[in-house]
Protein backbone atom coordinates (compact mmCIF):
# COMPACT_ATOMS: atom_id res chain seq x y z
CA MET A 1 8.81 -20.91 -16.12
CA PRO A 2 7.85 -20.61 -12.41
CA ASP A 3 7.90 -23.78 -10.37
CA GLU A 4 4.47 -25.24 -9.76
CA PRO A 5 3.47 -27.57 -6.92
CA LYS A 6 4.21 -31.17 -7.90
CA LEU A 7 1.40 -33.69 -7.73
CA PRO A 8 1.80 -36.06 -4.80
CA ALA A 9 3.24 -39.52 -5.42
CA LYS A 10 0.71 -42.25 -4.94
CA GLY A 11 0.23 -42.83 -1.26
CA ALA A 12 2.63 -40.04 -0.29
CA GLU A 13 -0.02 -37.46 0.63
CA SER A 14 -3.76 -37.06 0.31
CA VAL A 15 -5.29 -34.94 -2.44
CA ASP A 16 -6.81 -32.66 0.22
CA ALA A 17 -3.40 -32.10 1.80
CA PHE A 18 -1.86 -31.39 -1.60
CA LEU A 19 -4.54 -28.83 -2.48
CA ALA A 20 -4.14 -27.13 0.89
CA ARG A 21 -0.37 -26.93 0.37
CA ALA A 22 -0.82 -25.51 -3.16
CA GLU A 23 -3.27 -22.90 -1.91
CA ARG A 24 -0.73 -21.69 0.65
CA SER A 25 1.98 -21.29 -2.01
CA PRO A 26 2.54 -17.72 -3.28
CA MET A 27 1.35 -16.86 -6.78
CA PRO A 28 4.20 -17.12 -9.34
CA ALA A 29 4.21 -13.37 -10.07
CA ALA A 30 4.54 -12.50 -6.39
CA ARG A 31 7.38 -15.02 -5.98
CA THR A 32 9.44 -13.23 -8.63
CA ALA A 33 8.95 -9.75 -7.12
CA THR A 34 11.73 -8.67 -4.78
CA GLN A 35 9.84 -5.69 -3.31
CA ARG A 36 6.29 -5.44 -1.94
CA LEU A 37 4.14 -2.34 -1.50
CA VAL A 38 0.72 -2.17 0.18
CA PHE A 39 -1.49 0.46 -1.49
CA ALA A 40 -4.49 1.34 0.69
CA ILE A 41 -7.40 3.78 0.35
CA ASP A 42 -10.15 4.94 2.68
CA ALA A 43 -13.32 3.87 0.81
CA THR A 44 -15.90 5.29 3.22
CA ALA A 45 -18.91 7.25 1.93
CA SER A 46 -17.42 10.61 0.92
CA ARG A 47 -14.38 9.11 -0.77
CA GLN A 48 -15.79 8.08 -4.19
CA PRO A 49 -14.29 11.03 -6.14
CA THR A 50 -10.81 10.27 -4.75
CA TRP A 51 -11.25 6.52 -5.33
CA ASP A 52 -12.17 7.25 -8.97
CA LEU A 53 -9.17 9.56 -9.29
CA ALA A 54 -6.82 6.96 -7.81
CA THR A 55 -8.24 4.38 -10.23
CA GLU A 56 -7.43 6.70 -13.15
CA LEU A 57 -3.91 7.18 -11.78
CA HIS A 58 -3.31 3.52 -10.93
CA ALA A 59 -0.62 3.20 -13.62
CA ALA A 60 1.54 5.65 -11.67
CA LEU A 61 2.14 2.83 -9.22
CA PHE A 62 3.50 0.65 -12.01
CA ASP A 63 5.66 2.99 -14.09
CA GLU A 64 8.77 1.02 -13.17
CA VAL A 65 7.34 -2.50 -13.17
CA GLU A 66 8.05 -3.43 -16.78
CA ARG A 67 11.56 -2.00 -16.61
CA LEU A 68 12.54 -3.34 -13.19
CA GLY A 69 10.18 -6.26 -12.83
CA ASN A 70 10.68 -6.37 -9.09
CA ILE A 71 7.60 -5.01 -7.32
CA ALA A 72 4.30 -6.54 -6.26
CA VAL A 73 1.43 -4.36 -5.05
CA GLN A 74 -1.40 -5.34 -2.75
CA LEU A 75 -4.59 -3.25 -2.78
CA ALA A 76 -6.35 -2.76 0.58
CA TYR A 77 -9.39 -0.70 1.50
CA PHE A 78 -12.02 -0.32 4.20
CA ARG A 79 -15.63 0.82 4.01
CA GLY A 80 -19.09 0.20 5.46
CA ILE A 81 -19.58 -1.48 8.83
CA GLY A 82 -16.26 -3.11 9.57
CA GLU A 83 -15.55 -4.21 6.00
CA PHE A 84 -11.83 -4.55 5.30
CA VAL A 85 -10.52 -6.03 2.03
CA ALA A 86 -6.99 -6.94 0.94
CA SER A 87 -6.27 -8.30 -2.54
CA PRO A 88 -3.68 -10.89 -3.57
CA TRP A 89 -0.27 -9.51 -4.54
CA MET A 90 -0.33 -8.09 -8.09
CA THR A 91 2.39 -7.16 -10.59
CA THR A 92 0.56 -5.51 -13.52
CA PRO A 93 -1.56 -2.35 -13.90
CA GLY A 94 -4.41 -4.40 -15.36
CA GLU A 95 -4.72 -6.54 -12.25
CA LEU A 96 -4.87 -3.48 -10.01
CA LYS A 97 -7.37 -1.62 -12.20
CA ASP A 98 -9.64 -4.67 -12.44
CA ARG A 99 -9.71 -4.78 -8.63
CA MET A 100 -10.38 -1.05 -8.25
CA VAL A 101 -12.89 -0.33 -11.00
CA GLY A 102 -15.77 -2.26 -9.43
CA VAL A 103 -15.46 -0.81 -5.92
CA THR A 104 -17.99 1.73 -4.63
CA CYS A 105 -17.51 3.65 -1.40
CA ARG A 106 -19.89 3.05 1.53
CA GLY A 107 -20.63 4.89 4.74
CA GLY A 108 -18.67 3.85 7.81
CA ARG A 109 -15.86 4.80 10.15
CA THR A 110 -12.16 4.79 9.40
CA GLN A 111 -10.22 1.55 9.99
CA LEU A 112 -6.61 2.65 9.85
CA VAL A 113 -5.83 0.54 12.93
CA ALA A 114 -7.17 -2.57 11.16
CA LEU A 115 -5.06 -1.67 8.13
CA LEU A 116 -1.86 -1.43 10.19
CA ARG A 117 -2.65 -4.76 11.86
CA HIS A 118 -2.99 -6.31 8.41
CA VAL A 119 0.30 -4.83 7.18
CA LEU A 120 2.03 -6.09 10.30
CA ARG A 121 0.76 -9.62 9.61
CA GLU A 122 2.01 -9.39 6.03
CA ALA A 123 5.40 -8.09 7.20
CA ARG A 124 5.77 -11.09 9.50
CA THR A 125 5.40 -13.37 6.46
CA HIS A 126 7.61 -11.51 3.96
CA PRO A 127 9.31 -8.08 3.89
CA VAL A 128 7.03 -5.16 2.98
CA ARG A 129 8.86 -2.15 1.55
CA ALA A 130 6.22 0.44 2.53
CA LEU A 131 2.54 1.18 3.11
CA VAL A 132 1.00 3.90 0.94
CA PHE A 133 -2.32 5.16 2.32
CA ILE A 134 -4.74 7.77 0.93
CA GLY A 135 -7.34 9.10 3.36
CA ASP A 136 -8.86 12.24 4.79
CA CYS A 137 -9.81 11.64 8.42
CA PHE A 138 -9.06 9.60 11.55
CA GLU A 139 -11.69 8.37 14.06
CA GLU A 140 -9.87 5.75 16.14
CA SER A 141 -7.51 5.44 19.09
CA LYS A 142 -4.31 7.36 18.43
CA THR A 143 -2.57 5.34 21.15
CA GLU A 144 -3.39 2.06 19.40
CA LEU A 145 -2.35 3.49 16.05
CA LEU A 146 1.04 4.57 17.36
CA GLU A 147 1.65 1.23 19.09
CA LEU A 148 1.17 -0.52 15.76
CA ALA A 149 3.34 2.08 14.02
CA GLY A 150 6.10 1.24 16.50
CA GLN A 151 5.84 -2.46 15.67
CA LEU A 152 6.01 -1.68 11.95
CA ALA A 153 9.06 0.51 12.57
CA LEU A 154 10.81 -2.50 14.11
CA ARG A 155 10.19 -4.34 10.84
CA ASP A 156 11.43 -1.42 8.70
CA VAL A 157 8.01 -0.67 7.18
CA PRO A 158 7.63 3.11 6.67
CA LEU A 159 4.14 4.60 6.44
CA LEU A 160 3.61 6.98 3.51
CA LEU A 161 0.35 8.70 4.50
CA PHE A 162 -1.19 10.98 1.87
CA GLN A 163 -3.91 13.10 3.50
CA GLU A 164 -6.57 14.74 1.36
CA GLY A 165 -7.62 17.98 3.06
CA ARG A 166 -6.71 19.31 6.51
CA ASP A 167 -8.79 17.38 9.07
CA ALA A 168 -7.14 18.22 12.42
CA ALA A 169 -7.35 14.76 13.99
CA ALA A 170 -5.86 13.16 10.87
CA LEU A 171 -3.10 15.76 10.67
CA ASP A 172 -2.04 14.94 14.21
CA ALA A 173 -2.32 11.13 14.01
CA PHE A 174 -0.88 10.72 10.51
CA ALA A 175 2.12 12.93 11.25
CA ALA A 176 2.95 11.05 14.46
CA ALA A 177 2.61 7.59 12.87
CA ALA A 178 4.74 8.58 9.87
CA GLU A 179 7.47 9.99 12.10
CA ILE A 180 7.65 6.83 14.24
CA THR A 181 8.18 4.65 11.16
CA GLY A 182 10.59 7.00 9.38
CA GLY A 183 8.00 7.51 6.66
CA ALA A 184 6.15 10.61 5.46
CA HIS A 185 2.86 12.46 5.97
CA VAL A 186 1.89 14.65 3.02
CA PRO A 187 -1.39 16.61 2.95
CA PHE A 188 -2.71 17.50 -0.50
CA ALA A 189 -5.61 19.55 -1.80
CA PRO A 190 -8.86 17.64 -2.51
CA GLY A 191 -9.02 16.45 -6.11
CA SER A 192 -5.42 17.41 -6.91
CA ALA A 193 -4.65 14.85 -9.61
CA GLU A 194 -1.14 16.06 -10.39
CA THR A 195 -0.03 16.04 -6.75
CA LEU A 196 -1.47 12.57 -6.20
CA ARG A 197 0.17 11.32 -9.41
CA GLN A 198 3.54 12.60 -8.19
CA LEU A 199 3.08 11.09 -4.75
CA LEU A 200 2.22 7.67 -6.17
CA GLY A 201 5.11 7.81 -8.65
CA ALA A 202 7.56 8.85 -5.94
CA ALA A 203 6.28 6.12 -3.60
CA VAL A 204 6.82 3.34 -6.11
CA ARG A 205 10.30 4.65 -6.98
CA TYR A 206 11.12 4.51 -3.29
CA ALA A 207 9.67 1.01 -2.95
CA THR A 208 11.67 -0.32 -5.90
CA GLY A 209 14.96 1.50 -5.39
CA GLY A 210 15.09 3.05 -1.93
CA ARG A 211 16.13 6.59 -1.11
CA ALA A 212 18.54 6.87 -4.06
CA ALA A 213 15.71 6.19 -6.53
CA LEU A 214 13.49 8.69 -4.72
CA GLU A 215 16.21 11.35 -4.88
CA ASP A 216 16.57 10.77 -8.63
CA PHE A 217 12.80 11.02 -9.12
CA ALA A 218 12.63 14.27 -7.12
CA ARG A 219 15.51 15.80 -9.12
CA ARG A 220 13.85 14.96 -12.42
CA HIS A 221 10.31 16.04 -11.52
CA GLN A 222 10.86 18.86 -9.03
CA GLY A 223 7.28 18.53 -7.78
CA ALA A 224 6.07 19.39 -4.31
CA GLY A 225 4.84 15.85 -3.66
CA ALA A 226 8.12 14.14 -4.49
CA LEU A 227 10.14 16.74 -2.58
CA ALA A 228 7.87 16.36 0.46
CA LEU A 229 8.55 12.63 0.53
CA LEU A 230 12.28 13.16 0.08
CA THR A 231 12.57 15.61 2.96
CA GLN A 232 10.65 13.39 5.38
CA ILE A 233 11.60 9.76 4.68
CA LYS A 234 14.39 8.66 7.01
CA ARG A 235 14.77 5.02 5.94
């Protein structure tokens, strides 16, 4: 069984200090995972249909978990006026679905820069295998975005940016950020469940097994999404 924080010996440390130390300790499931993947979605006003679709497809992120037992996923999203949320690290489909099912999208501007700052903080604490992001537009400073992408590249965190639709600003910014990090930028048609399923499945194969696992997935499925990732990812 996972190690749990030991109660302090009498007089050795205060209860408050012990509780603070225990709170800082990683959850047991996250400690056993050897790979970490941040899964993020734009949850601004027009995104509810895609959020609902991603919730239905959430198991695609966990196809390999029971077999490999080595990946933890963190859900992140932004919506409303400056609201940014990141979950604890999770290792089962049920945990992820429970987090996603109660979320409703709200009007607001994109916060991809805030997302990259968050991933950079996480990567400074423990290695992050990749960021998977689903969104459709970009309304921030491209210069700031690319500066953060450069810092993530130094920590070997590729950005896998799945763009719904063809918004011009997003096409430009997403492609540049993905290239800097050795990741991938893949546009897909709005509401395309099969393409999104393939992209999520390919992303988790890459996160758990690297390029070799992605190549195997692409050979077996021969889908446009998996092949697009394979041809772009450089890490």
